[in-house]
Protein backbone atom coordinates (compact mmCIF):
# COMPACT_ATOMS: atom_id res chain seq x y z
CA UNK A 1 3.30 14.25 -7.16
CA UNK A 2 1.17 16.49 -5.35
CA UNK A 3 2.12 19.21 -3.20
CA UNK A 4 -0.15 19.26 0.09
CA UNK A 5 0.39 20.35 3.70
CA UNK A 6 0.55 17.25 6.08
CA UNK A 7 -0.99 14.37 4.55
CA UNK A 8 -4.06 16.08 3.64
CA UNK A 9 -5.15 16.15 7.51
CA UNK A 10 -7.34 19.24 7.14
CA UNK A 11 -9.55 17.25 4.74
CA UNK A 12 -9.31 14.13 6.92
CA UNK A 13 -10.49 15.90 9.97
CA UNK A 14 -13.61 17.13 8.31
CA UNK A 15 -14.58 14.28 6.79
CA UNK A 16 -13.82 12.07 9.97
CA UNK A 17 -15.52 14.81 12.65
CA UNK A 18 -18.96 14.06 11.38
CA UNK A 19 -18.79 10.17 11.53
CA UNK A 20 -16.01 8.62 14.49
CA UNK A 21 -15.60 9.82 17.94
CA UNK A 22 7.66 -6.21 10.93
CA UNK A 23 9.64 -5.53 10.37
CA UNK A 24 10.99 -6.95 7.33
CA UNK A 25 10.41 -6.23 3.56
CA UNK A 26 7.75 -8.83 1.97
CA UNK A 27 8.26 -8.17 -2.18
CA UNK A 28 6.84 -10.68 -4.29
CA UNK A 29 7.85 -10.90 -7.72
CA UNK A 30 10.22 -8.24 -9.47
CA UNK A 31 12.27 -5.48 -8.07
CA UNK A 32 10.77 -2.26 -7.10
CA UNK A 33 10.85 0.04 -10.13
CA UNK A 34 12.28 -2.33 -12.51
CA UNK A 35 11.90 -0.05 -15.48
CA UNK A 36 13.34 3.32 -14.79
CA UNK A 37 11.11 5.94 -14.04
CA UNK A 38 12.74 8.67 -16.05
CA UNK A 39 13.77 6.54 -18.81
CA UNK A 40 9.98 5.65 -19.68
CA UNK A 41 8.01 7.23 -22.45
CA UNK A 42 6.26 9.28 -19.98
CA UNK A 43 9.94 10.63 -18.84
CA UNK A 44 10.87 12.08 -21.74
CA UNK A 45 8.15 14.97 -21.23
CA UNK A 46 9.48 18.47 -19.91
CA UNK A 47 7.61 21.66 -18.97
CA UNK A 48 8.47 25.20 -19.38
CA UNK A 49 11.30 25.62 -17.68
CA UNK A 50 12.96 22.59 -19.32
CA UNK A 51 12.70 20.21 -16.09
CA UNK A 52 11.60 16.86 -16.57
CA UNK A 53 8.10 15.77 -15.58
CA UNK A 54 7.63 12.68 -13.62
CA UNK A 55 5.68 9.88 -16.09
CA UNK A 56 1.97 9.47 -15.00
CA UNK A 57 2.14 6.40 -12.11
CA UNK A 58 -1.79 6.62 -11.18
CA UNK A 59 -3.10 4.52 -8.37
CA UNK A 60 -6.83 3.10 -7.61
CA UNK A 61 -7.56 1.52 -4.21
CA UNK A 62 -10.26 -1.24 -4.36
CA UNK A 63 -11.74 -2.19 -0.92
CA UNK A 64 -13.79 -5.82 -0.63
CA UNK A 65 -16.66 -5.86 1.68
CA UNK A 66 -18.21 -8.94 2.60
CA UNK A 67 -22.31 -9.86 3.12
CA UNK A 68 -22.62 -7.92 6.50
CA UNK A 69 -20.71 -5.05 5.16
CA UNK A 70 -17.18 -5.61 6.87
CA UNK A 71 -13.95 -4.51 5.29
CA UNK A 72 -12.19 -7.63 4.28
CA UNK A 73 -9.23 -6.46 2.44
CA UNK A 74 -7.46 -3.47 0.99
CA UNK A 75 -5.43 -3.26 -2.28
CA UNK A 76 -3.55 -0.32 -4.05
CA UNK A 77 -3.07 -0.82 -7.59
CA UNK A 78 -0.74 1.48 -9.64
CA UNK A 79 -0.60 2.03 -12.76
CA UNK A 80 2.68 1.49 -15.07
CA UNK A 81 3.87 4.68 -17.13
CA UNK A 82 3.31 2.68 -20.14
CA UNK A 83 -0.49 2.46 -19.40
CA UNK A 84 -0.80 -0.99 -18.63
CA UNK A 85 0.50 -3.54 -16.06
CA UNK A 86 1.84 -2.13 -13.06
CA UNK A 87 2.20 -2.83 -9.15
CA UNK A 88 -0.35 -4.26 -6.73
CA UNK A 89 0.05 -3.42 -3.04
CA UNK A 90 -1.66 -5.34 -0.32
CA UNK A 91 -2.62 -2.91 2.57
CA UNK A 92 -3.55 -4.09 6.12
CA UNK A 93 -6.98 -3.42 6.88
CA UNK A 94 -6.10 -3.22 10.43
CA UNK A 95 -3.39 -0.71 9.72
CA UNK A 96 -3.66 2.14 12.40
CA UNK A 97 -5.62 5.10 11.26
CA UNK A 98 -5.16 8.64 12.16
CA UNK A 99 -6.26 9.57 15.54
CA UNK A 100 -8.26 13.12 16.67
CA UNK A 101 -7.13 14.59 19.67
CA UNK A 102 -7.46 12.09 22.50
CA UNK A 103 -9.17 9.45 20.50
CA UNK A 104 -7.85 5.91 21.06
CA UNK A 105 -6.19 4.04 18.02
CA UNK A 106 -8.55 2.79 15.70
CA UNK A 107 -8.02 0.53 12.45
CA UNK A 108 -8.96 1.53 8.68
CA UNK A 109 -11.55 -1.06 8.56
CA UNK A 110 -13.52 0.70 11.78
CA UNK A 111 -13.51 3.84 9.74
CA UNK A 112 -15.15 2.21 6.92
CA UNK A 113 -17.57 0.60 9.16
CA UNK A 114 -18.65 3.61 10.71
CA UNK A 115 -18.24 6.76 8.28
CA UNK A 116 -18.03 5.02 4.71
CA UNK A 117 -16.02 4.65 1.29
CA UNK A 118 -14.95 8.55 1.72
CA UNK A 119 -14.08 8.65 5.11
CA UNK A 120 -11.79 5.32 4.44
CA UNK A 121 -10.16 6.51 1.09
CA UNK A 122 -9.29 9.64 2.85
CA UNK A 123 -7.56 7.43 5.82
CA UNK A 124 -6.13 4.98 3.41
CA UNK A 125 -4.42 7.86 1.18
CA UNK A 126 -2.89 9.46 4.82
CA UNK A 127 -1.38 6.06 5.88
CA UNK A 128 0.30 5.80 2.24
CA UNK A 129 0.76 9.51 1.07
CA UNK A 130 -0.76 9.19 -2.15
CA UNK A 131 -4.03 10.36 -4.10
CA UNK A 132 -6.08 7.82 -5.27
CA UNK A 133 -7.39 8.48 -9.20
CA UNK A 134 -10.05 5.76 -8.26
CA UNK A 135 -11.69 3.77 -5.53
CA UNK A 136 -14.41 0.79 -5.21
CA UNK A 137 -15.71 -0.96 -2.40
CA UNK A 138 -17.12 -4.12 -3.96
CA UNK A 139 -18.81 -7.57 -3.17
CA UNK A 140 -17.24 -10.84 -4.52
CA UNK A 141 -19.38 -11.34 -7.36
CA UNK A 142 -18.04 -7.97 -9.03
CA UNK A 143 -14.91 -8.63 -8.22
CA UNK A 144 -14.85 -12.35 -9.80
CA UNK A 145 -16.29 -10.62 -12.73
CA UNK A 146 -13.24 -8.92 -13.15
CA UNK A 147 -11.04 -11.78 -12.35
CA UNK A 148 -12.47 -14.41 -14.51
CA UNK A 149 -10.60 -13.10 -17.73
CA UNK A 150 -7.50 -14.60 -16.31
CA UNK A 151 -6.45 -18.20 -16.91
CA UNK A 152 -5.54 -20.65 -13.95
CA UNK A 153 -4.23 -18.74 -11.45
CA UNK A 154 -1.78 -20.54 -9.33
CA UNK A 155 -1.30 -20.54 -5.41
CA UNK A 156 0.51 -21.75 -2.91
CA UNK A 157 -1.35 -21.23 0.50
CA UNK A 158 0.93 -22.13 3.66
CA UNK A 159 -2.16 -22.51 5.72
CA UNK A 160 -5.59 -23.54 5.06
CA UNK A 161 -7.88 -20.64 4.20
CA UNK A 162 -11.02 -20.61 6.52
CA UNK A 163 -14.21 -18.70 6.54
CA UNK A 164 -16.60 -18.00 9.61
CA UNK A 165 -20.25 -17.57 8.65
CA UNK A 166 -23.02 -16.95 11.05
CA UNK A 167 -25.62 -20.17 10.25
CA UNK A 168 -28.95 -20.39 11.94
CA UNK A 169 -29.98 -23.96 13.46
CA UNK A 170 -32.72 -25.81 12.38
CA UNK A 171 -35.70 -23.26 12.15
CA UNK A 172 -37.74 -25.92 14.44
CA UNK A 173 -35.37 -25.71 17.44
CA UNK A 174 -36.22 -23.17 19.75
CA UNK A 175 -34.86 -22.12 23.58
CA UNK A 176 -37.18 -22.04 26.93
CA UNK A 177 -36.52 -20.26 29.48
CA UNK A 178 -38.52 -20.56 32.63
CA UNK A 179 -37.39 -18.03 35.40
CA UNK A 180 -37.03 -19.36 38.83
CA UNK A 181 -39.22 -18.44 41.76
CA UNK A 182 -41.11 -16.37 39.21
CA UNK A 183 -45.13 -16.46 38.41
CA UNK A 184 -44.51 -14.83 35.07
CA UNK A 185 -45.24 -17.33 32.15
CA UNK A 186 -41.79 -19.26 30.63
CA UNK A 187 -40.14 -17.66 27.50
CA UNK A 188 -39.65 -19.31 24.28
CA UNK A 189 -36.77 -17.72 22.05
CA UNK A 190 -36.09 -17.94 18.27
CA UNK A 191 -33.19 -19.71 16.84
CA UNK A 192 -29.70 -17.98 17.57
CA UNK A 193 -27.37 -17.83 14.83
CA UNK A 194 -23.84 -20.01 15.68
CA UNK A 195 -20.54 -19.66 13.93
CA UNK A 196 -19.46 -22.16 12.00
CA UNK A 197 -16.16 -22.53 10.56
CA UNK A 198 -15.54 -24.05 7.16
CA UNK A 199 -12.55 -24.57 4.96
CA UNK A 200 -12.11 -22.74 1.51
CA UNK A 201 -9.05 -24.02 0.12
CA UNK A 202 -6.47 -26.58 1.84
CA UNK A 203 -2.61 -25.51 2.39
CA UNK A 204 -0.19 -26.26 -0.37
CA UNK A 205 -0.18 -25.59 -4.31
CA UNK A 206 -3.54 -25.42 -6.50
CA UNK A 207 -5.08 -23.54 -9.47
CA UNK A 208 -7.96 -21.26 -8.86
CA UNK A 209 -10.41 -19.65 -10.79
CA UNK A 210 -10.92 -16.08 -11.04
CA UNK A 211 -14.38 -16.91 -8.35
CA UNK A 212 -12.36 -19.51 -6.52
CA UNK A 213 -9.70 -16.17 -6.23
CA UNK A 214 -11.84 -13.61 -5.00
CA UNK A 215 -13.21 -15.42 -2.33
CA UNK A 216 -9.75 -15.42 -0.76
CA UNK A 217 -9.66 -11.95 -0.14
CA UNK A 218 -13.41 -12.51 1.96
CA UNK A 219 -12.75 -15.39 3.63
CA UNK A 220 -12.10 -14.34 7.67
CA UNK A 221 -12.20 -16.47 10.31
CA UNK A 222 -13.33 -15.32 13.48
CA UNK A 223 -10.89 -14.50 16.25
CA UNK A 224 -7.82 -15.07 13.78
CA UNK A 225 -5.55 -11.92 13.69
CA UNK A 226 -5.23 -10.46 10.45
CA UNK A 227 -1.48 -10.98 10.09
CA UNK A 228 -2.45 -14.54 9.88
CA UNK A 229 -4.45 -13.84 6.70
CA UNK A 230 -1.88 -11.78 4.93
CA UNK A 231 -0.03 -14.71 3.57
CA UNK A 232 -3.18 -15.90 1.71
CA UNK A 233 -3.67 -12.33 0.57
CA UNK A 234 -0.29 -12.39 -0.77
CA UNK A 235 -0.36 -15.64 -2.20
CA UNK A 236 -3.62 -14.70 -4.26
CA UNK A 237 -1.85 -11.69 -5.82
CA UNK A 238 1.26 -13.28 -6.51
CA UNK A 239 -0.93 -16.18 -8.53
CA UNK A 240 -2.42 -13.16 -10.48
CA UNK A 241 0.73 -11.71 -11.39
CA UNK A 242 1.82 -15.05 -12.40
CA UNK A 243 -1.03 -15.56 -14.25
CA UNK A 244 -1.15 -12.52 -15.98
CA UNK A 245 2.57 -13.29 -17.39
CA UNK A 246 3.86 -10.52 -19.59
CA UNK A 247 0.17 -9.11 -19.79
CA UNK A 248 -3.00 -10.15 -21.02
CA UNK A 249 -4.27 -9.00 -24.68
CA UNK A 250 -6.90 -5.94 -24.67
CA UNK A 251 -9.69 -8.04 -26.03
CA UNK A 252 -8.77 -10.63 -22.99
CA UNK A 253 -8.57 -8.23 -20.15
CA UNK A 254 -11.42 -6.25 -21.70
CA UNK A 255 -10.08 -2.49 -22.31
CA UNK A 256 -9.88 -0.55 -25.32
CA UNK A 257 -5.88 -0.33 -26.22
CA UNK A 258 -6.70 2.89 -28.06
CA UNK A 259 -7.30 4.54 -24.76
CA UNK A 260 -4.24 3.28 -23.44
CA UNK A 261 -2.07 7.06 -22.62
CA UNK A 262 -4.95 9.04 -23.61
CA UNK A 263 -7.86 8.33 -21.03
CA UNK A 264 -7.75 7.17 -17.16
CA UNK A 265 -9.87 4.56 -15.95
CA UNK A 266 -11.95 6.33 -13.22
CA UNK A 267 -14.05 3.19 -12.05
CA UNK A 268 -12.24 0.33 -10.31
CA UNK A 269 -12.74 -2.62 -12.50
CA UNK A 270 -11.41 -0.57 -15.65
CA UNK A 271 -8.31 0.47 -13.83
CA UNK A 272 -7.77 -3.36 -12.67
CA UNK A 273 -8.26 -4.20 -16.21
CA UNK A 274 -5.75 -2.13 -17.55
CA UNK A 275 -3.48 -3.18 -14.46
CA UNK A 276 -3.59 -6.95 -16.16
CA UNK A 277 -2.64 -5.88 -19.30
CA UNK A 278 0.99 -5.55 -18.30
CA UNK A 279 3.74 -7.41 -16.54
CA UNK A 280 2.86 -7.06 -12.65
CA UNK A 281 4.61 -6.72 -9.52
CA UNK A 282 2.99 -7.55 -5.87
CA UNK A 283 3.93 -6.10 -2.31
CA UNK A 284 2.66 -7.22 0.85
CA UNK A 285 3.27 -4.18 3.21
CA UNK A 286 4.73 -4.97 6.58
CA UNK A 287 2.53 -4.58 9.72
CA UNK A 288 3.51 -4.66 13.50
CA UNK A 289 0.75 -5.11 15.98
CA UNK A 290 0.37 -2.78 18.45
CA UNK A 291 0.40 -3.33 22.10
CA UNK A 292 0.12 -2.31 25.59
CA UNK A 293 -0.12 1.76 25.77
CA UNK A 294 -0.19 1.96 22.19
CA UNK A 295 -3.23 0.05 22.08
CA UNK A 296 -5.28 0.55 25.22
CA UNK A 297 -8.52 -1.02 23.87
CA UNK A 298 -6.83 -4.23 22.75
CA UNK A 299 -7.95 -4.33 18.83
CA UNK A 300 -6.47 -6.16 16.09
CA UNK A 301 -4.33 -2.82 15.07
CA UNK A 302 -1.24 -2.79 13.35
CA UNK A 303 1.42 0.06 12.42
CA UNK A 304 2.67 0.42 9.02
CA UNK A 305 6.48 0.95 8.51
CA UNK A 306 6.45 4.32 7.05
CA UNK A 307 9.96 4.15 5.39
CA UNK A 308 8.85 1.30 3.63
CA UNK A 309 5.76 2.88 2.02
CA UNK A 310 7.29 5.92 0.80
CA UNK A 311 10.10 3.54 -0.53
CA UNK A 312 7.73 1.58 -2.50
CA UNK A 313 5.32 4.51 -3.44
CA UNK A 314 8.55 6.52 -4.64
CA UNK A 315 9.56 3.51 -6.74
CA UNK A 316 6.18 2.58 -8.60
CA UNK A 317 3.90 5.86 -8.05
CA UNK A 318 5.52 9.02 -7.67
CA UNK A 319 3.18 11.22 -9.58
CA UNK A 320 0.74 10.15 -6.95
CA UNK A 321 2.55 10.94 -4.10
CA UNK A 322 1.45 13.70 -1.71
CA UNK A 323 4.49 15.83 -0.38
CA UNK A 324 4.34 18.02 2.54
CA UNK A 325 4.88 21.45 1.46
CA UNK A 326 7.68 22.12 4.25
CA UNK A 327 10.26 19.72 3.15
CA UNK A 328 12.83 19.37 0.39
CA UNK A 329 11.85 16.19 -2.13
CA UNK A 330 14.56 14.47 -3.89
CA UNK A 331 14.84 11.84 -6.17
CA UNK A 332 17.36 8.81 -5.00
CA UNK A 333 19.30 6.56 -7.72
CA UNK A 334 19.92 3.25 -6.22
CA UNK A 335 22.63 1.16 -8.53
CA UNK A 336 22.73 -1.51 -5.57
CA UNK A 337 18.85 -3.22 -6.17
CA UNK A 338 18.76 -4.02 -2.60
CA UNK A 339 15.42 -2.98 -0.42
CA UNK A 340 17.33 -2.65 2.60
CA UNK A 341 19.58 -0.15 1.13
CA UNK A 342 17.19 1.78 -0.34
CA UNK A 343 14.78 1.82 3.10
CA UNK A 344 17.95 2.92 4.82
CA UNK A 345 18.46 5.81 2.52
CA UNK A 346 14.81 6.55 2.50
CA UNK A 347 15.09 6.48 6.65
CA UNK A 348 18.07 8.65 7.16
CA UNK A 349 16.77 11.33 4.56
CA UNK A 350 13.78 11.56 6.64
CA UNK A 351 15.59 12.29 9.79
CA UNK A 352 16.94 15.34 8.46
CA UNK A 353 13.11 16.27 7.16
CA UNK A 354 14.49 15.51 3.45
CA UNK A 355 11.60 13.34 1.60
CA UNK A 356 12.62 10.99 -0.80
CA UNK A 357 9.82 11.52 -3.86
CA UNK A 358 11.40 9.35 -6.48
CA UNK A 359 13.61 6.08 -6.36
CA UNK A 360 15.43 4.77 -9.59
CA UNK A 361 17.17 1.14 -9.33
CA UNK A 362 19.94 1.90 -11.71
CA UNK A 363 21.69 -1.16 -14.02
CA UNK A 364 25.08 0.13 -13.98
CA UNK A 365 27.81 -0.70 -11.50
CA UNK A 366 28.05 2.07 -8.53
CA UNK A 367 30.63 4.28 -7.89
CA UNK A 368 32.78 4.92 -4.62
CA UNK A 369 31.40 7.91 -3.90
CA UNK A 370 27.42 9.38 -2.98
CA UNK A 371 26.99 12.16 -4.93
CA UNK A 372 24.37 14.96 -4.67
CA UNK A 373 23.48 16.84 -7.98
CA UNK A 374 21.76 20.30 -7.18
CA UNK A 375 21.67 23.95 -6.78
CA UNK A 376 24.67 25.68 -5.19
CA UNK A 377 22.18 27.30 -2.68
CA UNK A 378 20.02 23.55 -2.11
CA UNK A 379 23.78 22.27 -1.45
CA UNK A 380 24.90 24.80 1.15
CA UNK A 381 21.31 23.81 3.09
CA UNK A 382 22.25 20.32 3.13
CA UNK A 383 26.05 20.78 4.12
CA UNK A 384 24.18 23.08 7.03
CA UNK A 385 22.00 20.35 8.12
CA UNK A 386 25.01 17.77 8.52
CA UNK A 387 23.74 15.28 5.70
CA UNK A 388 27.29 13.88 5.70
CA UNK A 389 26.73 13.01 9.38
CA UNK A 390 23.77 10.95 8.46
CA UNK A 391 24.41 9.00 4.81
CA UNK A 392 27.95 9.52 5.17
CA UNK A 393 30.44 11.39 2.77
CA UNK A 394 28.97 12.84 -0.35
CA UNK A 395 30.31 15.16 -3.02
CA UNK A 396 28.11 17.61 -4.95
CA UNK A 397 27.58 18.84 -8.50
CA UNK A 398 25.41 20.61 -11.16
CA UNK A 399 22.11 18.74 -11.80
CA UNK A 400 22.23 19.13 -15.84
CA UNK A 401 18.41 17.24 -15.92
CA UNK A 402 16.24 18.38 -13.61
CA UNK A 403 12.88 16.72 -12.35
CA UNK A 404 9.98 19.10 -11.60
CA UNK A 405 9.24 19.56 -8.13
CA UNK A 406 12.25 17.94 -7.06
CA UNK A 407 15.53 19.44 -5.56
CA UNK A 408 18.42 17.42 -5.55
CA UNK A 409 19.60 13.99 -7.41
CA UNK A 410 21.17 11.67 -5.13
CA UNK A 411 23.17 8.84 -6.27
CA UNK A 412 24.31 6.58 -3.76
CA UNK A 413 27.62 5.11 -4.28
CA UNK A 414 29.69 2.63 -2.13
CA UNK A 415 30.61 4.94 0.90
CA UNK A 416 26.94 4.96 1.68
CA UNK A 417 27.11 1.27 2.24
CA UNK A 418 30.22 0.95 3.87
CA UNK A 419 28.90 4.17 6.28
CA UNK A 420 25.76 2.10 7.21
CA UNK A 421 27.93 -1.00 8.23
CA UNK A 422 29.46 1.31 10.83
CA UNK A 423 27.36 3.79 11.38
CA UNK A 424 24.62 3.91 14.72
CA UNK A 425 21.20 3.18 14.08
CA UNK A 426 18.98 6.32 14.21
CA UNK A 427 16.85 6.20 17.49
CA UNK A 428 13.09 6.41 17.10
CA UNK A 429 13.17 9.75 19.18
CA UNK A 430 15.04 11.50 16.92
CA UNK A 431 13.50 10.38 13.57
CA UNK A 432 11.24 13.01 12.18
CA UNK A 433 7.74 11.84 12.42
CA UNK A 434 4.57 12.71 10.74
CA UNK A 435 2.82 14.00 13.71
């Protein structure tokens, strides 16, 4: 977990200034934080004060780029604290990027096209509030080289996977233009490329090779909204997770087991191979199309659910989270194993400018009361801001096993679930924003 002011905004503005003038959760395979973070081997480490350290959960960003330098997909890979396996998170390339001043809304894909990989990386880090340890923008052949270590990849496509290519007609074909009522000579134009749609894969169940799976991330049909492609990408990564199973052997995945836990991969291919070495869970971030005044140019741009984003990242990548310095960071322990409940606590705490920096799913039965374990000073502050009016009745106690950089532990009880059933929804105008 990194403490930075306002989502790396200063770094991002500096990089972009030179270059550019839903809703529901979609988990695929496994539950968030199925392996308790602080019970992992990394969680037994302590700092000089005796506080537990959040286990290392480094993240990497994969950008796929087609032959005309268009960004076709974005995927985050997060390593499990064990050093192998982890989480794959699909990110829409049309996600709204941060705007500077009166700049019109634009997409992360536009940032890549206009300003390159570094600017795209900063935009993605800003959108997810994480710091990536590795990044790579790769063509289909490079990605296929990594995925070809997998056995057959089972996928189910809801609709056909279609790609549009610009194809030149017969080279002897020409177009002749003779201006009306003009003495100028007629003009012969060379043949112009035309858009041709090709079905790459049909709808339904099928098994893909690594080369074929890579093609899914590059296929784009002209004029098709990105939201129509996301199910294909989700199906592909879900198939990769299924093919991996409990993890590929180091020799098969092509990584050195002696380096696990001692050396972090800084090259995107090596990072992905480590993830293939253990069980994988897959997430597709939800995306809401922007319309009307929020999208004056009418482009294919989407808003992410920032509470969903934080919920996922605090669950699987807490050490990579970038937490603002002007907020209280807390740990949430959730015994309900329900993503809707977890989303609700993240949203309601954000309303109070309290940031969830670590989420654990507990296996024990929930207690009736929601407990907050912290210091007397922080407890008094939480009472002053009216936390019980936002998350329901709470009790306070001493936190005997504090975590470095986190001010309080919140253990959800049945009282919180009951409170949600009767509490009024938080209006968008009152929820704290990241602006």
